[in-house]
């Protein structure tokens, strides 16, 4: 499956952005889809994930209550709604997908074998 991330941009602290991850080549059916981010000089880190079949969602502690992952199966798209943005949310955001992610690995970069190209999110203070 090919992934296309979009929706990044510049926002002020306290503002909102919505990222989209669109799949092509095949549907997201059966895939776990995750959002990761990488700030300059830092390792790529987990943000959120969604189990497509079960619709279970997971969010890292630093974004709980501010970010929400969701999906629209009809549009073959996964979203990341980001509210109350902070300057520390500034990073390149990547979506990733895999059919074989087990629960204990949902936050692991290495568990995903399909990656989108990334979209830049910049939050000004």
PDB file of N, CA and C in Angstrom:
ATOM      1  N   UNK A   1       0.843  -1.177   0.000  1.00  0.00           N
ATOM      2  CA  UNK A   1       0.000   0.000   0.000  1.00  0.00           C
ATOM      3  C   UNK A   1       0.893   1.246   0.000  1.00  0.00           C
ATOM      4  N   UNK A   2       0.506   2.235  -0.821  1.00  0.00           N
ATOM      5  CA  UNK A   2       1.244   3.505  -0.867  1.00  0.00           C
ATOM      6  C   UNK A   2       0.498   4.530  -0.012  1.00  0.00           C
ATOM      7  N   UNK A   3       1.256   5.312   0.728  1.00  0.00           N
ATOM      8  CA  UNK A   3       0.672   6.282   1.646  1.00  0.00           C
ATOM      9  C   UNK A   3       1.052   7.695   1.255  1.00  0.00           C
ATOM     10  N   UNK A   4       0.104   8.604   1.363  1.00  0.00           N
ATOM     11  CA  UNK A   4       0.336  10.011   1.056  1.00  0.00           C
ATOM     12  C   UNK A   4      -0.144  10.839   2.230  1.00  0.00           C
ATOM     13  N   UNK A   5       0.799  11.473   2.930  1.00  0.00           N
ATOM     14  CA  UNK A   5       0.452  12.327   4.057  1.00  0.00           C
ATOM     15  C   UNK A   5       0.316  13.770   3.584  1.00  0.00           C
ATOM     16  N   UNK A   6      -0.637  14.476   4.149  1.00  0.00           N
ATOM     17  CA  UNK A   6      -0.847  15.875   3.795  1.00  0.00           C
ATOM     18  C   UNK A   6      -1.492  16.610   4.962  1.00  0.00           C
ATOM     19  N   UNK A   7      -1.579  17.926   4.836  1.00  0.00           N
ATOM     20  CA  UNK A   7      -2.273  18.722   5.844  1.00  0.00           C
ATOM     21  C   UNK A   7      -1.374  19.497   6.784  1.00  0.00           C
ATOM     22  N   UNK A   8      -0.075  19.300   6.671  1.00  0.00           N
ATOM     23  CA  UNK A   8       0.826  20.039   7.537  1.00  0.00           C
ATOM     24  C   UNK A   8       0.863  21.512   7.158  1.00  0.00           C
ATOM     25  N   UNK A   9       1.552  22.288   7.987  1.00  0.00           N
ATOM     26  CA  UNK A   9       1.659  23.710   7.730  1.00  0.00           C
ATOM     27  C   UNK A   9       2.115  24.439   8.967  1.00  0.00           C
ATOM     28  N   UNK A  10       1.873  25.730   8.948  1.00  0.00           N
ATOM     29  CA  UNK A  10       2.266  26.594  10.059  1.00  0.00           C
ATOM     30  C   UNK A  10       1.036  26.949  10.886  1.00  0.00           C
ATOM     31  N   UNK A  11       1.148  26.796  12.193  1.00  0.00           N
ATOM     32  CA  UNK A  11       0.056  27.141  13.093  1.00  0.00           C
ATOM     33  C   UNK A  11       0.620  27.871  14.301  1.00  0.00           C
ATOM     34  N   UNK A  12      -0.203  28.663  14.915  1.00  0.00           N
ATOM     35  CA  UNK A  12       0.191  29.318  16.151  1.00  0.00           C
ATOM     36  C   UNK A  12      -0.095  28.394  17.330  1.00  0.00           C
ATOM     37  N   UNK A  13       0.621  28.597  18.404  1.00  0.00           N
ATOM     38  CA  UNK A  13       0.360  27.826  19.618  1.00  0.00           C
ATOM     39  C   UNK A  13      -1.103  27.992  20.013  1.00  0.00           C
ATOM     40  N   UNK A  14      -1.726  26.872  20.347  1.00  0.00           N
ATOM     41  CA  UNK A  14      -3.140  26.877  20.673  1.00  0.00           C
ATOM     42  C   UNK A  14      -4.039  26.622  19.492  1.00  0.00           C
ATOM     43  N   UNK A  15      -3.461  26.616  18.304  1.00  0.00           N
ATOM     44  CA  UNK A  15      -4.236  26.396  17.095  1.00  0.00           C
ATOM     45  C   UNK A  15      -4.423  24.934  16.773  1.00  0.00           C
ATOM     46  N   UNK A  16      -4.976  24.694  15.578  1.00  0.00           N
ATOM     47  CA  UNK A  16      -5.304  23.330  15.163  1.00  0.00           C
ATOM     48  C   UNK A  16      -4.859  23.067  13.733  1.00  0.00           C
ATOM     49  N   UNK A  17      -4.572  21.824  13.463  1.00  0.00           N
ATOM     50  CA  UNK A  17      -4.326  21.328  12.122  1.00  0.00           C
ATOM     51  C   UNK A  17      -4.903  19.923  12.037  1.00  0.00           C
ATOM     52  N   UNK A  18      -5.264  19.521  10.829  1.00  0.00           N
ATOM     53  CA  UNK A  18      -5.697  18.145  10.613  1.00  0.00           C
ATOM     54  C   UNK A  18      -4.839  17.517   9.520  1.00  0.00           C
ATOM     55  N   UNK A  19      -4.159  16.444   9.872  1.00  0.00           N
ATOM     56  CA  UNK A  19      -3.355  15.709   8.919  1.00  0.00           C
ATOM     57  C   UNK A  19      -4.179  14.580   8.326  1.00  0.00           C
ATOM     58  N   UNK A  20      -3.891  14.273   7.072  1.00  0.00           N
ATOM     59  CA  UNK A  20      -4.553  13.170   6.382  1.00  0.00           C
ATOM     60  C   UNK A  20      -3.516  12.192   5.866  1.00  0.00           C
ATOM     61  N   UNK A  21      -3.862  10.929   5.891  1.00  0.00           N
ATOM     62  CA  UNK A  21      -3.024   9.878   5.338  1.00  0.00           C
ATOM     63  C   UNK A  21      -3.903   9.060   4.406  1.00  0.00           C
ATOM     64  N   UNK A  22      -3.686   9.228   3.117  1.00  0.00           N
ATOM     65  CA  UNK A  22      -4.501   8.547   2.122  1.00  0.00           C
ATOM     66  C   UNK A  22      -3.746   7.344   1.573  1.00  0.00           C
ATOM     67  N   UNK A  23      -4.461   6.243   1.416  1.00  0.00           N
ATOM     68  CA  UNK A  23      -3.867   5.022   0.904  1.00  0.00           C
ATOM     69  C   UNK A  23      -4.239   4.821  -0.553  1.00  0.00           C
ATOM     70  N   UNK A  24      -3.305   4.298  -1.304  1.00  0.00           N
ATOM     71  CA  UNK A  24      -3.584   3.915  -2.686  1.00  0.00           C
ATOM     72  C   UNK A  24      -2.946   2.563  -2.942  1.00  0.00           C
ATOM     73  N   UNK A  25      -3.385   1.913  -3.937  1.00  0.00           N
ATOM     74  CA  UNK A  25      -2.853   0.591  -4.247  1.00  0.00           C
ATOM     75  C   UNK A  25      -3.706  -0.517  -3.666  1.00  0.00           C
ATOM     76  N   UNK A  26      -4.131  -0.339  -2.444  1.00  0.00           N
ATOM     77  CA  UNK A  26      -5.063  -1.252  -1.805  1.00  0.00           C
ATOM     78  C   UNK A  26      -5.703  -0.524  -0.641  1.00  0.00           C
ATOM     79  N   UNK A  27      -6.751  -1.110  -0.098  1.00  0.00           N
ATOM     80  CA  UNK A  27      -7.458  -0.435   0.990  1.00  0.00           C
ATOM     81  C   UNK A  27      -6.696  -0.623   2.295  1.00  0.00           C
ATOM     82  N   UNK A  28      -7.128   0.155   3.290  1.00  0.00           N
ATOM     83  CA  UNK A  28      -6.551   0.051   4.623  1.00  0.00           C
ATOM     84  C   UNK A  28      -7.108  -1.146   5.400  1.00  0.00           C
ATOM     85  N   UNK A  29      -8.017  -1.889   4.779  1.00  0.00           N
ATOM     86  CA  UNK A  29      -8.630  -2.999   5.486  1.00  0.00           C
ATOM     87  C   UNK A  29      -7.581  -3.954   6.022  1.00  0.00           C
ATOM     88  N   UNK A  30      -7.647  -4.228   7.314  1.00  0.00           N
ATOM     89  CA  UNK A  30      -6.709  -5.149   7.928  1.00  0.00           C
ATOM     90  C   UNK A  30      -5.401  -4.514   8.371  1.00  0.00           C
ATOM     91  N   UNK A  31      -5.205  -3.230   8.081  1.00  0.00           N
ATOM     92  CA  UNK A  31      -3.965  -2.550   8.444  1.00  0.00           C
ATOM     93  C   UNK A  31      -4.114  -1.787   9.752  1.00  0.00           C
ATOM     94  N   UNK A  32      -3.066  -1.804  10.539  1.00  0.00           N
ATOM     95  CA  UNK A  32      -2.907  -0.831  11.605  1.00  0.00           C
ATOM     96  C   UNK A  32      -2.194   0.381  11.008  1.00  0.00           C
ATOM     97  N   UNK A  33      -2.700   1.569  11.271  1.00  0.00           N
ATOM     98  CA  UNK A  33      -2.095   2.785  10.739  1.00  0.00           C
ATOM     99  C   UNK A  33      -1.637   3.663  11.898  1.00  0.00           C
ATOM    100  N   UNK A  34      -0.433   4.139  11.792  1.00  0.00           N
ATOM    101  CA  UNK A  34       0.122   4.961  12.859  1.00  0.00           C
ATOM    102  C   UNK A  34       0.618   6.296  12.338  1.00  0.00           C
ATOM    103  N   UNK A  35       0.672   7.249  13.232  1.00  0.00           N
ATOM    104  CA  UNK A  35       1.317   8.539  12.973  1.00  0.00           C
ATOM    105  C   UNK A  35       2.554   8.629  13.867  1.00  0.00           C
ATOM    106  N   UNK A  36       3.643   9.042  13.271  1.00  0.00           N
ATOM    107  CA  UNK A  36       4.897   9.255  13.974  1.00  0.00           C
ATOM    108  C   UNK A  36       5.377  10.662  13.651  1.00  0.00           C
ATOM    109  N   UNK A  37       6.300  11.172  14.437  1.00  0.00           N
ATOM    110  CA  UNK A  37       6.877  12.478  14.137  1.00  0.00           C
ATOM    111  C   UNK A  37       8.356  12.482  14.460  1.00  0.00           C
ATOM    112  N   UNK A  38       9.062  13.354  13.765  1.00  0.00           N
ATOM    113  CA  UNK A  38      10.498  13.465  13.971  1.00  0.00           C
ATOM    114  C   UNK A  38      10.888  14.929  13.933  1.00  0.00           C
ATOM    115  N   UNK A  39      11.380  15.410  15.061  1.00  0.00           N
ATOM    116  CA  UNK A  39      11.878  16.773  15.161  1.00  0.00           C
ATOM    117  C   UNK A  39      13.362  16.785  14.803  1.00  0.00           C
ATOM    118  N   UNK A  40      13.896  17.931  14.398  1.00  0.00           N
ATOM    119  CA  UNK A  40      15.313  18.004  14.032  1.00  0.00           C
ATOM    120  C   UNK A  40      16.217  17.515  15.162  1.00  0.00           C
ATOM    121  N   UNK A  41      17.116  16.630  14.833  1.00  0.00           N
ATOM    122  CA  UNK A  41      18.065  16.124  15.810  1.00  0.00           C
ATOM    123  C   UNK A  41      17.524  15.092  16.765  1.00  0.00           C
ATOM    124  N   UNK A  42      16.281  14.683  16.567  1.00  0.00           N
ATOM    125  CA  UNK A  42      15.661  13.711  17.468  1.00  0.00           C
ATOM    126  C   UNK A  42      15.248  12.458  16.705  1.00  0.00           C
ATOM    127  N   UNK A  43      15.021  11.401  17.463  1.00  0.00           N
ATOM    128  CA  UNK A  43      14.557  10.163  16.850  1.00  0.00           C
ATOM    129  C   UNK A  43      13.069  10.261  16.511  1.00  0.00           C
ATOM    130  N   UNK A  44      12.677   9.469  15.547  1.00  0.00           N
ATOM    131  CA  UNK A  44      11.258   9.399  15.199  1.00  0.00           C
ATOM    132  C   UNK A  44      10.496   8.793  16.364  1.00  0.00           C
ATOM    133  N   UNK A  45       9.365   9.416  16.711  1.00  0.00           N
ATOM    134  CA  UNK A  45       8.608   8.947  17.856  1.00  0.00           C
ATOM    135  C   UNK A  45       7.145   8.720  17.511  1.00  0.00           C
ATOM    136  N   UNK A  46       6.551   7.818  18.246  1.00  0.00           N
ATOM    137  CA  UNK A  46       5.145   7.452  18.058  1.00  0.00           C
ATOM    138  C   UNK A  46       4.239   8.575  18.537  1.00  0.00           C
ATOM    139  N   UNK A  47       3.164   8.800  17.771  1.00  0.00           N
ATOM    140  CA  UNK A  47       2.162   9.788  18.159  1.00  0.00           C
ATOM    141  C   UNK A  47       0.815   9.104  18.431  1.00  0.00           C
ATOM    142  N   UNK A  48       0.334   8.341  17.459  1.00  0.00           N
ATOM    143  CA  UNK A  48      -0.978   7.720  17.602  1.00  0.00           C
ATOM    144  C   UNK A  48      -1.102   6.587  16.599  1.00  0.00           C
ATOM    145  N   UNK A  49      -2.032   5.675  16.874  1.00  0.00           N
ATOM    146  CA  UNK A  49      -2.281   4.564  15.957  1.00  0.00           C
ATOM    147  C   UNK A  49      -3.733   4.148  16.053  1.00  0.00           C
ATOM    148  N   UNK A  50      -4.203   3.509  14.994  1.00  0.00           N
ATOM    149  CA  UNK A  50      -5.575   3.036  14.960  1.00  0.00           C
ATOM    150  C   UNK A  50      -5.598   1.670  14.296  1.00  0.00           C
ATOM    151  N   UNK A  51      -6.339   0.759  14.931  1.00  0.00           N
ATOM    152  CA  UNK A  51      -6.558  -0.558  14.358  1.00  0.00           C
ATOM    153  C   UNK A  51      -7.741  -0.435  13.418  1.00  0.00           C
ATOM    154  N   UNK A  52      -7.558  -0.669  12.145  1.00  0.00           N
ATOM    155  CA  UNK A  52      -8.604  -0.415  11.177  1.00  0.00           C
ATOM    156  C   UNK A  52      -9.814  -1.305  11.424  1.00  0.00           C
ATOM    157  N   UNK A  53      -9.611  -2.582  11.631  1.00  0.00           N
ATOM    158  CA  UNK A  53     -10.750  -3.485  11.794  1.00  0.00           C
ATOM    159  C   UNK A  53     -11.466  -3.255  13.115  1.00  0.00           C
ATOM    160  N   UNK A  54     -10.699  -3.151  14.195  1.00  0.00           N
ATOM    161  CA  UNK A  54     -11.296  -3.011  15.508  1.00  0.00           C
ATOM    162  C   UNK A  54     -11.571  -1.588  15.920  1.00  0.00           C
ATOM    163  N   UNK A  55     -10.974  -0.629  15.196  1.00  0.00           N
ATOM    164  CA  UNK A  55     -11.135   0.792  15.507  1.00  0.00           C
ATOM    165  C   UNK A  55     -10.598   1.156  16.877  1.00  0.00           C
ATOM    166  N   UNK A  56      -9.741   0.325  17.454  1.00  0.00           N
ATOM    167  CA  UNK A  56      -9.092   0.713  18.708  1.00  0.00           C
ATOM    168  C   UNK A  56      -8.037   1.757  18.405  1.00  0.00           C
ATOM    169  N   UNK A  57      -7.918   2.750  19.271  1.00  0.00           N
ATOM    170  CA  UNK A  57      -6.960   3.818  19.076  1.00  0.00           C
ATOM    171  C   UNK A  57      -5.992   3.927  20.238  1.00  0.00           C
ATOM    172  N   UNK A  58      -4.818   4.449  19.936  1.00  0.00           N
ATOM    173  CA  UNK A  58      -3.771   4.608  20.924  1.00  0.00           C
ATOM    174  C   UNK A  58      -3.112   5.963  20.688  1.00  0.00           C
ATOM    175  N   UNK A  59      -2.841   6.684  21.765  1.00  0.00           N
ATOM    176  CA  UNK A  59      -2.189   7.985  21.673  1.00  0.00           C
ATOM    177  C   UNK A  59      -1.077   8.044  22.705  1.00  0.00           C
ATOM    178  N   UNK A  60       0.043   8.610  22.321  1.00  0.00           N
ATOM    179  CA  UNK A  60       1.113   8.783  23.285  1.00  0.00           C
ATOM    180  C   UNK A  60       0.686   9.813  24.331  1.00  0.00           C
ATOM    181  N   UNK A  61       1.244   9.714  25.517  1.00  0.00           N
ATOM    182  CA  UNK A  61       0.768  10.532  26.633  1.00  0.00           C
ATOM    183  C   UNK A  61       0.835  12.033  26.341  1.00  0.00           C
ATOM    184  N   UNK A  62       1.862  12.473  25.629  1.00  0.00           N
ATOM    185  CA  UNK A  62       2.052  13.908  25.419  1.00  0.00           C
ATOM    186  C   UNK A  62       0.985  14.537  24.517  1.00  0.00           C
ATOM    187  N   UNK A  63       0.209  13.725  23.816  1.00  0.00           N
ATOM    188  CA  UNK A  63      -0.820  14.273  22.933  1.00  0.00           C
ATOM    189  C   UNK A  63      -2.228  13.894  23.372  1.00  0.00           C
ATOM    190  N   UNK A  64      -2.359  13.087  24.382  1.00  0.00           N
ATOM    191  CA  UNK A  64      -3.691  12.689  24.843  1.00  0.00           C
ATOM    192  C   UNK A  64      -4.491  13.918  25.252  1.00  0.00           C
ATOM    193  N   UNK A  65      -5.740  13.940  24.806  1.00  0.00           N
ATOM    194  CA  UNK A  65      -6.598  15.085  25.094  1.00  0.00           C
ATOM    195  C   UNK A  65      -6.439  16.226  24.110  1.00  0.00           C
ATOM    196  N   UNK A  66      -5.420  16.164  23.249  1.00  0.00           N
ATOM    197  CA  UNK A  66      -5.196  17.218  22.250  1.00  0.00           C
ATOM    198  C   UNK A  66      -5.294  16.676  20.822  1.00  0.00           C
ATOM    199  N   UNK A  67      -4.764  15.489  20.584  1.00  0.00           N
ATOM    200  CA  UNK A  67      -4.762  14.879  19.252  1.00  0.00           C
ATOM    201  C   UNK A  67      -5.750  13.713  19.229  1.00  0.00           C
ATOM    202  N   UNK A  68      -6.363  13.508  18.078  1.00  0.00           N
ATOM    203  CA  UNK A  68      -7.277  12.384  17.913  1.00  0.00           C
ATOM    204  C   UNK A  68      -7.056  11.734  16.556  1.00  0.00           C
ATOM    205  N   UNK A  69      -6.808  10.439  16.567  1.00  0.00           N
ATOM    206  CA  UNK A  69      -6.683   9.704  15.314  1.00  0.00           C
ATOM    207  C   UNK A  69      -8.038   9.093  14.968  1.00  0.00           C
ATOM    208  N   UNK A  70      -8.367   9.120  13.690  1.00  0.00           N
ATOM    209  CA  UNK A  70      -9.636   8.547  13.245  1.00  0.00           C
ATOM    210  C   UNK A  70      -9.465   8.070  11.816  1.00  0.00           C
ATOM    211  N   UNK A  71     -10.485   7.365  11.326  1.00  0.00           N
ATOM    212  CA  UNK A  71     -10.372   6.918   9.942  1.00  0.00           C
ATOM    213  C   UNK A  71     -11.723   6.994   9.247  1.00  0.00           C
ATOM    214  N   UNK A  72     -11.663   7.116   7.944  1.00  0.00           N
ATOM    215  CA  UNK A  72     -12.842   7.078   7.078  1.00  0.00           C
ATOM    216  C   UNK A  72     -12.580   5.977   6.065  1.00  0.00           C
ATOM    217  N   UNK A  73     -13.167   4.823   6.313  1.00  0.00           N
ATOM    218  CA  UNK A  73     -12.897   3.680   5.442  1.00  0.00           C
ATOM    219  C   UNK A  73     -13.388   3.916   4.016  1.00  0.00           C
ATOM    220  N   UNK A  74     -14.473   4.642   3.877  1.00  0.00           N
ATOM    221  CA  UNK A  74     -15.007   4.910   2.546  1.00  0.00           C
ATOM    222  C   UNK A  74     -14.023   5.728   1.710  1.00  0.00           C
ATOM    223  N   UNK A  75     -13.278   6.585   2.380  1.00  0.00           N
ATOM    224  CA  UNK A  75     -12.293   7.418   1.682  1.00  0.00           C
ATOM    225  C   UNK A  75     -10.891   6.831   1.757  1.00  0.00           C
ATOM    226  N   UNK A  76     -10.762   5.690   2.429  1.00  0.00           N
ATOM    227  CA  UNK A  76      -9.451   5.046   2.563  1.00  0.00           C
ATOM    228  C   UNK A  76      -8.417   6.009   3.137  1.00  0.00           C
ATOM    229  N   UNK A  77      -8.826   6.743   4.153  1.00  0.00           N
ATOM    230  CA  UNK A  77      -7.995   7.794   4.721  1.00  0.00           C
ATOM    231  C   UNK A  77      -8.026   7.730   6.240  1.00  0.00           C
ATOM    232  N   UNK A  78      -6.871   7.979   6.835  1.00  0.00           N
ATOM    233  CA  UNK A  78      -6.749   8.108   8.285  1.00  0.00           C
ATOM    234  C   UNK A  78      -6.375   9.553   8.590  1.00  0.00           C
ATOM    235  N   UNK A  79      -6.961  10.102   9.643  1.00  0.00           N
ATOM    236  CA  UNK A  79      -6.741  11.495   9.999  1.00  0.00           C
ATOM    237  C   UNK A  79      -6.066  11.616  11.363  1.00  0.00           C
ATOM    238  N   UNK A  80      -5.384  12.711  11.546  1.00  0.00           N
ATOM    239  CA  UNK A  80      -4.870  13.079  12.864  1.00  0.00           C
ATOM    240  C   UNK A  80      -5.304  14.520  13.116  1.00  0.00           C
ATOM    241  N   UNK A  81      -6.319  14.676  13.949  1.00  0.00           N
ATOM    242  CA  UNK A  81      -6.781  16.007  14.334  1.00  0.00           C
ATOM    243  C   UNK A  81      -5.915  16.495  15.489  1.00  0.00           C
ATOM    244  N   UNK A  82      -5.272  17.615  15.284  1.00  0.00           N
ATOM    245  CA  UNK A  82      -4.348  18.150  16.286  1.00  0.00           C
ATOM    246  C   UNK A  82      -4.881  19.482  16.789  1.00  0.00           C
ATOM    247  N   UNK A  83      -5.264  19.526  18.045  1.00  0.00           N
ATOM    248  CA  UNK A  83      -5.769  20.739  18.673  1.00  0.00           C
ATOM    249  C   UNK A  83      -4.817  21.196  19.769  1.00  0.00           C
ATOM    250  N   UNK A  84      -4.998  22.427  20.186  1.00  0.00           N
ATOM    251  CA  UNK A  84      -4.171  23.000  21.260  1.00  0.00           C
ATOM    252  C   UNK A  84      -2.693  22.740  20.992  1.00  0.00           C
ATOM    253  N   UNK A  85      -2.265  23.059  19.808  1.00  0.00           N
ATOM    254  CA  UNK A  85      -0.887  22.784  19.400  1.00  0.00           C
ATOM    255  C   UNK A  85       0.107  23.562  20.256  1.00  0.00           C
ATOM    256  N   UNK A  86       1.252  22.943  20.452  1.00  0.00           N
ATOM    257  CA  UNK A  86       2.338  23.536  21.228  1.00  0.00           C
ATOM    258  C   UNK A  86       3.586  23.614  20.351  1.00  0.00           C
ATOM    259  N   UNK A  87       4.492  24.535  20.644  1.00  0.00           N
ATOM    260  CA  UNK A  87       5.738  24.603  19.851  1.00  0.00           C
ATOM    261  C   UNK A  87       6.492  23.279  19.824  1.00  0.00           C
ATOM    262  N   UNK A  88       6.407  22.507  20.891  1.00  0.00           N
ATOM    263  CA  UNK A  88       7.105  21.219  20.930  1.00  0.00           C
ATOM    264  C   UNK A  88       6.472  20.159  20.035  1.00  0.00           C
ATOM    265  N   UNK A  89       5.327  20.481  19.433  1.00  0.00           N
ATOM    266  CA  UNK A  89       4.727  19.576  18.443  1.00  0.00           C
ATOM    267  C   UNK A  89       5.360  19.755  17.065  1.00  0.00           C
ATOM    268  N   UNK A  90       6.219  20.745  16.916  1.00  0.00           N
ATOM    269  CA  UNK A  90       6.884  20.989  15.641  1.00  0.00           C
ATOM    270  C   UNK A  90       7.731  19.799  15.237  1.00  0.00           C
ATOM    271  N   UNK A  91       7.468  19.275  14.052  1.00  0.00           N
ATOM    272  CA  UNK A  91       8.170  18.083  13.558  1.00  0.00           C
ATOM    273  C   UNK A  91       7.670  17.760  12.159  1.00  0.00           C
ATOM    274  N   UNK A  92       8.355  16.834  11.522  1.00  0.00           N
ATOM    275  CA  UNK A  92       7.816  16.211  10.324  1.00  0.00           C
ATOM    276  C   UNK A  92       6.968  15.032  10.781  1.00  0.00           C
ATOM    277  N   UNK A  93       5.750  14.981  10.314  1.00  0.00           N
ATOM    278  CA  UNK A  93       4.821  13.929  10.704  1.00  0.00           C
ATOM    279  C   UNK A  93       4.711  12.908   9.575  1.00  0.00           C
ATOM    280  N   UNK A  94       4.821  11.643   9.951  1.00  0.00           N
ATOM    281  CA  UNK A  94       4.763  10.541   8.989  1.00  0.00           C
ATOM    282  C   UNK A  94       3.600   9.618   9.353  1.00  0.00           C
ATOM    283  N   UNK A  95       2.928   9.112   8.335  1.00  0.00           N
ATOM    284  CA  UNK A  95       1.993   8.032   8.582  1.00  0.00           C
ATOM    285  C   UNK A  95       2.617   6.729   8.104  1.00  0.00           C
ATOM    286  N   UNK A  96       2.217   5.659   8.749  1.00  0.00           N
ATOM    287  CA  UNK A  96       2.779   4.353   8.457  1.00  0.00           C
ATOM    288  C   UNK A  96       1.692   3.309   8.613  1.00  0.00           C
ATOM    289  N   UNK A  97       1.850   2.186   7.925  1.00  0.00           N
ATOM    290  CA  UNK A  97       0.834   1.143   7.978  1.00  0.00           C
ATOM    291  C   UNK A  97       1.486  -0.230   7.929  1.00  0.00           C
ATOM    292  N   UNK A  98       0.800  -1.166   8.543  1.00  0.00           N
ATOM    293  CA  UNK A  98       1.266  -2.542   8.500  1.00  0.00           C
ATOM    294  C   UNK A  98       0.103  -3.464   8.791  1.00  0.00           C
ATOM    295  N   UNK A  99       0.128  -4.657   8.193  1.00  0.00           N
ATOM    296  CA  UNK A  99      -0.908  -5.647   8.454  1.00  0.00           C
ATOM    297  C   UNK A  99      -0.552  -6.540   9.635  1.00  0.00           C
ATOM    298  N   UNK A 100       0.684  -6.425  10.135  1.00  0.00           N
ATOM    299  CA  UNK A 100       1.131  -7.430  11.110  1.00  0.00           C
ATOM    300  C   UNK A 100       1.609  -6.809  12.411  1.00  0.00           C
ATOM    301  N   UNK A 101       0.991  -5.704  12.828  1.00  0.00           N
ATOM    302  CA  UNK A 101       1.407  -5.066  14.079  1.00  0.00           C
ATOM    303  C   UNK A 101       0.665  -5.709  15.246  1.00  0.00           C
ATOM    304  N   UNK A 102       1.412  -6.247  16.198  1.00  0.00           N
ATOM    305  CA  UNK A 102       0.765  -6.773  17.394  1.00  0.00           C
ATOM    306  C   UNK A 102       0.643  -5.660  18.414  1.00  0.00           C
ATOM    307  N   UNK A 103      -0.247  -5.836  19.382  1.00  0.00           N
ATOM    308  CA  UNK A 103      -0.585  -4.763  20.311  1.00  0.00           C
ATOM    309  C   UNK A 103       0.649  -4.210  21.006  1.00  0.00           C
ATOM    310  N   UNK A 104       1.542  -5.078  21.421  1.00  0.00           N
ATOM    311  CA  UNK A 104       2.713  -4.626  22.179  1.00  0.00           C
ATOM    312  C   UNK A 104       3.689  -3.816  21.330  1.00  0.00           C
ATOM    313  N   UNK A 105       3.525  -3.835  20.023  1.00  0.00           N
ATOM    314  CA  UNK A 105       4.444  -3.139  19.123  1.00  0.00           C
ATOM    315  C   UNK A 105       3.808  -1.954  18.418  1.00  0.00           C
ATOM    316  N   UNK A 106       2.610  -1.563  18.808  1.00  0.00           N
ATOM    317  CA  UNK A 106       1.874  -0.550  18.062  1.00  0.00           C
ATOM    318  C   UNK A 106       2.618   0.786  18.022  1.00  0.00           C
ATOM    319  N   UNK A 107       3.493   1.040  18.996  1.00  0.00           N
ATOM    320  CA  UNK A 107       4.229   2.301  19.044  1.00  0.00           C
ATOM    321  C   UNK A 107       5.656   2.185  18.507  1.00  0.00           C
ATOM    322  N   UNK A 108       5.986   1.055  17.953  1.00  0.00           N
ATOM    323  CA  UNK A 108       7.355   0.806  17.499  1.00  0.00           C
ATOM    324  C   UNK A 108       7.530   1.166  16.027  1.00  0.00           C
ATOM    325  N   UNK A 109       8.528   1.984  15.749  1.00  0.00           N
ATOM    326  CA  UNK A 109       8.808   2.370  14.365  1.00  0.00           C
ATOM    327  C   UNK A 109       9.040   1.135  13.490  1.00  0.00           C
ATOM    328  N   UNK A 110       9.756   0.183  14.013  1.00  0.00           N
ATOM    329  CA  UNK A 110      10.117  -1.000  13.242  1.00  0.00           C
ATOM    330  C   UNK A 110       8.970  -1.947  12.953  1.00  0.00           C
ATOM    331  N   UNK A 111       7.821  -1.716  13.562  1.00  0.00           N
ATOM    332  CA  UNK A 111       6.675  -2.600  13.348  1.00  0.00           C
ATOM    333  C   UNK A 111       5.940  -2.279  12.058  1.00  0.00           C
ATOM    334  N   UNK A 112       6.227  -1.155  11.441  1.00  0.00           N
ATOM    335  CA  UNK A 112       5.510  -0.698  10.256  1.00  0.00           C
ATOM    336  C   UNK A 112       6.409  -0.821   9.023  1.00  0.00           C
ATOM    337  N   UNK A 113       5.861  -1.341   7.944  1.00  0.00           N
ATOM    338  CA  UNK A 113       6.669  -1.551   6.745  1.00  0.00           C
ATOM    339  C   UNK A 113       6.214  -0.707   5.549  1.00  0.00           C
ATOM    340  N   UNK A 114       5.248   0.149   5.753  1.00  0.00           N
ATOM    341  CA  UNK A 114       4.817   1.069   4.701  1.00  0.00           C
ATOM    342  C   UNK A 114       4.805   2.483   5.284  1.00  0.00           C
ATOM    343  N   UNK A 115       5.514   3.401   4.652  1.00  0.00           N
ATOM    344  CA  UNK A 115       5.635   4.758   5.176  1.00  0.00           C
ATOM    345  C   UNK A 115       5.286   5.784   4.107  1.00  0.00           C
ATOM    346  N   UNK A 116       4.636   6.850   4.528  1.00  0.00           N
ATOM    347  CA  UNK A 116       4.406   7.985   3.660  1.00  0.00           C
ATOM    348  C   UNK A 116       5.614   8.901   3.664  1.00  0.00           C
ATOM    349  N   UNK A 117       5.532   9.993   2.926  1.00  0.00           N
ATOM    350  CA  UNK A 117       6.683  10.850   2.707  1.00  0.00           C
ATOM    351  C   UNK A 117       6.879  11.899   3.793  1.00  0.00           C
ATOM    352  N   UNK A 118       5.938  12.099   4.663  1.00  0.00           N
ATOM    353  CA  UNK A 118       6.067  13.090   5.727  1.00  0.00           C
ATOM    354  C   UNK A 118       5.480  14.429   5.350  1.00  0.00           C
ATOM    355  N   UNK A 119       4.956  15.122   6.339  1.00  0.00           N
ATOM    356  CA  UNK A 119       4.433  16.461   6.155  1.00  0.00           C
ATOM    357  C   UNK A 119       4.881  17.317   7.334  1.00  0.00           C
ATOM    358  N   UNK A 120       5.366  18.507   7.035  1.00  0.00           N
ATOM    359  CA  UNK A 120       5.945  19.373   8.063  1.00  0.00           C
ATOM    360  C   UNK A 120       4.853  20.097   8.840  1.00  0.00           C
ATOM    361  N   UNK A 121       4.979  20.053  10.148  1.00  0.00           N
ATOM    362  CA  UNK A 121       4.115  20.826  11.049  1.00  0.00           C
ATOM    363  C   UNK A 121       5.004  21.757  11.852  1.00  0.00           C
ATOM    364  N   UNK A 122       4.722  23.041  11.783  1.00  0.00           N
ATOM    365  CA  UNK A 122       5.487  24.037  12.521  1.00  0.00           C
ATOM    366  C   UNK A 122       4.531  24.848  13.381  1.00  0.00           C
ATOM    367  N   UNK A 123       4.813  24.883  14.670  1.00  0.00           N
ATOM    368  CA  UNK A 123       3.963  25.609  15.608  1.00  0.00           C
ATOM    369  C   UNK A 123       4.762  26.753  16.196  1.00  0.00           C
ATOM    370  N   UNK A 124       4.282  27.957  15.996  1.00  0.00           N
ATOM    371  CA  UNK A 124       4.989  29.132  16.508  1.00  0.00           C
ATOM    372  C   UNK A 124       4.402  29.547  17.859  1.00  0.00           C
ATOM    373  N   UNK A 125       5.266  30.091  18.688  1.00  0.00           N
ATOM    374  CA  UNK A 125       4.833  30.497  20.036  1.00  0.00           C
ATOM    375  C   UNK A 125       4.311  31.918  20.038  1.00  0.00           C
TER     376      UNK A 125
END
